[in-house]
């Protein structure tokens, strides 16, 4: 017997420079819906620093919750 599941998500991501500095604020949020009343959402905020034209690093905090549980993290890249 075949099992079928369907779902989709909608989200957004934004970056906003802080005045004339090398720092930027970043943010993201979204939600998802699926088969069998599945629901979820996520969101986060962070900062990014431009080292030079080709390199940057960022760090952010995020939280997400769906029908499988909660996931809260601090991360950097």
N, C-alpha and C. Protein backbone atom coordinates (compact mmCIF):
# COMPACT_ATOMS: atom_id res chain seq x y z
N UNK A 1 0.83 -1.17 0.00
CA UNK A 1 0.00 0.00 0.00
C UNK A 1 0.90 1.25 0.00
N UNK A 2 0.59 2.18 -0.89
CA UNK A 2 1.34 3.43 -0.98
C UNK A 2 0.85 4.44 0.04
N UNK A 3 1.78 5.20 0.56
CA UNK A 3 1.45 6.27 1.49
C UNK A 3 1.65 7.60 0.78
N UNK A 4 0.73 8.53 0.99
CA UNK A 4 0.85 9.84 0.37
C UNK A 4 0.81 10.92 1.44
N UNK A 5 1.62 11.92 1.25
CA UNK A 5 1.65 13.07 2.14
C UNK A 5 1.92 14.31 1.29
N UNK A 6 1.24 15.39 1.60
CA UNK A 6 1.40 16.63 0.84
C UNK A 6 1.60 17.78 1.81
N UNK A 7 2.35 18.77 1.39
CA UNK A 7 2.57 19.94 2.25
C UNK A 7 3.24 21.06 1.49
N UNK A 8 3.33 22.19 2.15
CA UNK A 8 3.98 23.34 1.55
C UNK A 8 4.37 24.33 2.64
N UNK A 9 5.20 25.29 2.28
CA UNK A 9 5.62 26.29 3.24
C UNK A 9 5.73 27.65 2.56
N UNK A 10 5.67 28.67 3.36
CA UNK A 10 5.82 30.04 2.90
C UNK A 10 6.71 30.76 3.90
N UNK A 11 7.71 31.46 3.43
CA UNK A 11 8.62 32.14 4.34
C UNK A 11 9.22 33.38 3.72
N UNK A 12 9.92 34.14 4.55
CA UNK A 12 10.59 35.34 4.07
C UNK A 12 11.91 35.52 4.82
N UNK A 13 12.82 36.24 4.18
CA UNK A 13 14.14 36.50 4.73
C UNK A 13 14.51 37.93 4.37
N UNK A 14 15.07 38.66 5.32
CA UNK A 14 15.45 40.04 5.03
C UNK A 14 16.77 40.42 5.68
N UNK A 15 17.49 41.32 5.03
CA UNK A 15 18.74 41.86 5.55
C UNK A 15 18.66 43.38 5.44
N UNK A 16 19.02 44.05 6.53
CA UNK A 16 18.98 45.51 6.56
C UNK A 16 20.30 46.05 7.09
N UNK A 17 21.04 46.83 6.30
CA UNK A 17 22.30 47.42 6.78
C UNK A 17 22.07 48.39 7.95
N UNK A 18 23.02 48.47 8.86
CA UNK A 18 22.96 49.43 9.96
C UNK A 18 23.80 50.64 9.58
N UNK A 19 23.14 51.72 9.25
CA UNK A 19 23.79 52.98 8.84
C UNK A 19 24.94 52.75 7.87
N UNK A 20 26.09 53.39 8.09
CA UNK A 20 27.24 53.27 7.21
C UNK A 20 28.30 52.31 7.76
N UNK A 21 27.85 51.31 8.49
CA UNK A 21 28.80 50.36 9.10
C UNK A 21 28.85 49.07 8.28
N UNK A 22 29.69 48.15 8.70
CA UNK A 22 29.79 46.83 8.07
C UNK A 22 28.83 45.82 8.69
N UNK A 23 27.98 46.27 9.59
CA UNK A 23 27.02 45.40 10.27
C UNK A 23 25.65 45.47 9.59
N UNK A 24 24.93 44.35 9.61
CA UNK A 24 23.56 44.28 9.11
C UNK A 24 22.72 43.44 10.07
N UNK A 25 21.44 43.76 10.12
CA UNK A 25 20.48 42.96 10.88
C UNK A 25 19.82 42.01 9.90
N UNK A 26 19.63 40.76 10.30
CA UNK A 26 18.92 39.81 9.44
C UNK A 26 17.77 39.20 10.21
N UNK A 27 16.74 38.85 9.50
CA UNK A 27 15.57 38.23 10.10
C UNK A 27 14.90 37.30 9.13
N UNK A 28 14.22 36.30 9.66
CA UNK A 28 13.49 35.35 8.82
C UNK A 28 12.32 34.78 9.59
N UNK A 29 11.30 34.37 8.86
CA UNK A 29 10.10 33.79 9.47
C UNK A 29 9.36 32.98 8.41
N UNK A 30 8.58 32.04 8.87
CA UNK A 30 7.79 31.26 7.93
C UNK A 30 6.87 30.30 8.64
N UNK A 31 6.08 29.63 7.84
CA UNK A 31 5.15 28.64 8.35
C UNK A 31 4.93 27.54 7.34
N UNK A 32 4.40 26.42 7.82
CA UNK A 32 4.16 25.28 6.93
C UNK A 32 2.84 24.61 7.29
N UNK A 33 2.22 24.02 6.29
CA UNK A 33 0.99 23.25 6.43
C UNK A 33 1.13 21.97 5.64
N UNK A 34 0.49 20.90 6.12
CA UNK A 34 0.60 19.65 5.39
C UNK A 34 -0.56 18.70 5.66
N UNK A 35 -0.42 17.51 5.14
CA UNK A 35 -1.43 16.47 5.31
C UNK A 35 -1.65 16.14 6.79
N UNK A 36 -2.80 15.60 7.09
CA UNK A 36 -3.15 15.18 8.45
C UNK A 36 -3.02 16.31 9.46
N UNK A 37 -3.42 17.51 9.07
CA UNK A 37 -3.42 18.70 9.93
C UNK A 37 -2.03 19.09 10.45
N UNK A 38 -0.98 18.77 9.71
CA UNK A 38 0.38 19.17 10.10
C UNK A 38 0.50 20.68 10.03
N UNK A 39 1.11 21.29 11.05
CA UNK A 39 1.36 22.73 11.09
C UNK A 39 2.71 22.99 11.73
N UNK A 40 3.36 24.04 11.28
CA UNK A 40 4.64 24.43 11.88
C UNK A 40 4.94 25.89 11.59
N UNK A 41 5.84 26.46 12.40
CA UNK A 41 6.30 27.82 12.16
C UNK A 41 7.75 27.94 12.62
N UNK A 42 8.44 28.96 12.13
CA UNK A 42 9.82 29.21 12.53
C UNK A 42 10.11 30.70 12.37
N UNK A 43 11.12 31.16 13.09
CA UNK A 43 11.52 32.55 12.98
C UNK A 43 12.86 32.77 13.66
N UNK A 44 13.52 33.83 13.29
CA UNK A 44 14.81 34.13 13.90
C UNK A 44 15.30 35.53 13.58
N UNK A 45 16.26 35.98 14.39
CA UNK A 45 16.90 37.28 14.22
C UNK A 45 18.40 37.11 14.42
N UNK A 46 19.17 37.98 13.79
CA UNK A 46 20.62 37.90 13.97
C UNK A 46 21.33 39.11 13.45
N UNK A 47 22.65 39.04 13.49
CA UNK A 47 23.53 40.09 12.99
C UNK A 47 24.54 39.49 12.03
N UNK A 48 24.94 40.29 11.05
CA UNK A 48 25.94 39.88 10.07
C UNK A 48 27.02 40.96 10.01
N UNK A 49 28.28 40.54 9.88
CA UNK A 49 29.40 41.47 9.76
C UNK A 49 30.15 41.21 8.46
N UNK A 50 30.33 42.27 7.67
CA UNK A 50 31.04 42.18 6.39
C UNK A 50 32.53 42.40 6.63
N UNK A 51 33.32 41.34 6.44
CA UNK A 51 34.77 41.42 6.64
C UNK A 51 35.42 42.15 5.46
N UNK A 52 35.06 41.73 4.25
CA UNK A 52 35.51 42.39 3.03
C UNK A 52 34.48 42.11 1.94
N UNK A 53 34.80 42.44 0.71
CA UNK A 53 33.84 42.29 -0.39
C UNK A 53 33.37 40.84 -0.57
N UNK A 54 34.22 39.87 -0.27
CA UNK A 54 33.90 38.46 -0.53
C UNK A 54 33.67 37.62 0.72
N UNK A 55 33.75 38.20 1.90
CA UNK A 55 33.63 37.39 3.12
C UNK A 55 32.82 38.10 4.20
N UNK A 56 32.04 37.34 4.91
CA UNK A 56 31.27 37.86 6.05
C UNK A 56 30.99 36.72 7.01
N UNK A 57 30.54 37.05 8.21
CA UNK A 57 30.08 36.03 9.13
C UNK A 57 28.80 36.54 9.79
N UNK A 58 28.01 35.62 10.30
CA UNK A 58 26.78 36.02 10.96
C UNK A 58 26.51 35.10 12.14
N UNK A 59 25.69 35.58 13.02
CA UNK A 59 25.20 34.75 14.11
C UNK A 59 23.74 35.11 14.34
N UNK A 60 22.97 34.13 14.77
CA UNK A 60 21.54 34.33 14.89
C UNK A 60 20.94 33.35 15.89
N UNK A 61 19.77 33.71 16.34
CA UNK A 61 18.97 32.83 17.19
C UNK A 61 17.69 32.49 16.45
N UNK A 62 17.24 31.27 16.61
CA UNK A 62 16.01 30.87 15.92
C UNK A 62 15.18 29.98 16.83
N UNK A 63 13.89 29.97 16.57
CA UNK A 63 13.02 29.03 17.22
C UNK A 63 12.05 28.48 16.20
N UNK A 64 11.68 27.24 16.39
CA UNK A 64 10.70 26.62 15.51
C UNK A 64 9.86 25.64 16.32
N UNK A 65 8.65 25.49 15.88
CA UNK A 65 7.75 24.56 16.54
C UNK A 65 6.84 23.96 15.48
N UNK A 66 6.66 22.65 15.55
CA UNK A 66 5.73 21.97 14.66
C UNK A 66 5.14 20.78 15.40
N UNK A 67 4.41 19.95 14.68
CA UNK A 67 3.75 18.81 15.30
C UNK A 67 4.72 17.76 15.82
N UNK A 68 6.01 17.88 15.46
CA UNK A 68 7.01 16.92 15.93
C UNK A 68 7.79 17.44 17.13
N UNK A 69 7.59 18.71 17.53
CA UNK A 69 8.29 19.23 18.69
C UNK A 69 8.79 20.64 18.49
N UNK A 70 9.64 21.07 19.42
CA UNK A 70 10.20 22.42 19.42
C UNK A 70 11.70 22.34 19.20
N UNK A 71 12.26 23.33 18.48
CA UNK A 71 13.69 23.37 18.20
C UNK A 71 14.15 24.82 18.34
N UNK A 72 14.91 25.14 19.39
CA UNK A 72 15.44 26.48 19.61
C UNK A 72 16.96 26.40 19.55
N UNK A 73 17.60 27.29 18.79
CA UNK A 73 19.05 27.23 18.60
C UNK A 73 19.68 28.60 18.52
N UNK A 74 20.94 28.66 18.89
CA UNK A 74 21.83 29.78 18.58
C UNK A 74 22.84 29.24 17.59
N UNK A 75 23.12 29.99 16.54
CA UNK A 75 24.02 29.47 15.50
C UNK A 75 24.85 30.61 14.93
N UNK A 76 25.88 30.24 14.23
CA UNK A 76 26.74 31.20 13.53
C UNK A 76 27.28 30.57 12.28
N UNK A 77 27.68 31.41 11.38
CA UNK A 77 28.19 30.88 10.12
C UNK A 77 29.26 31.76 9.59
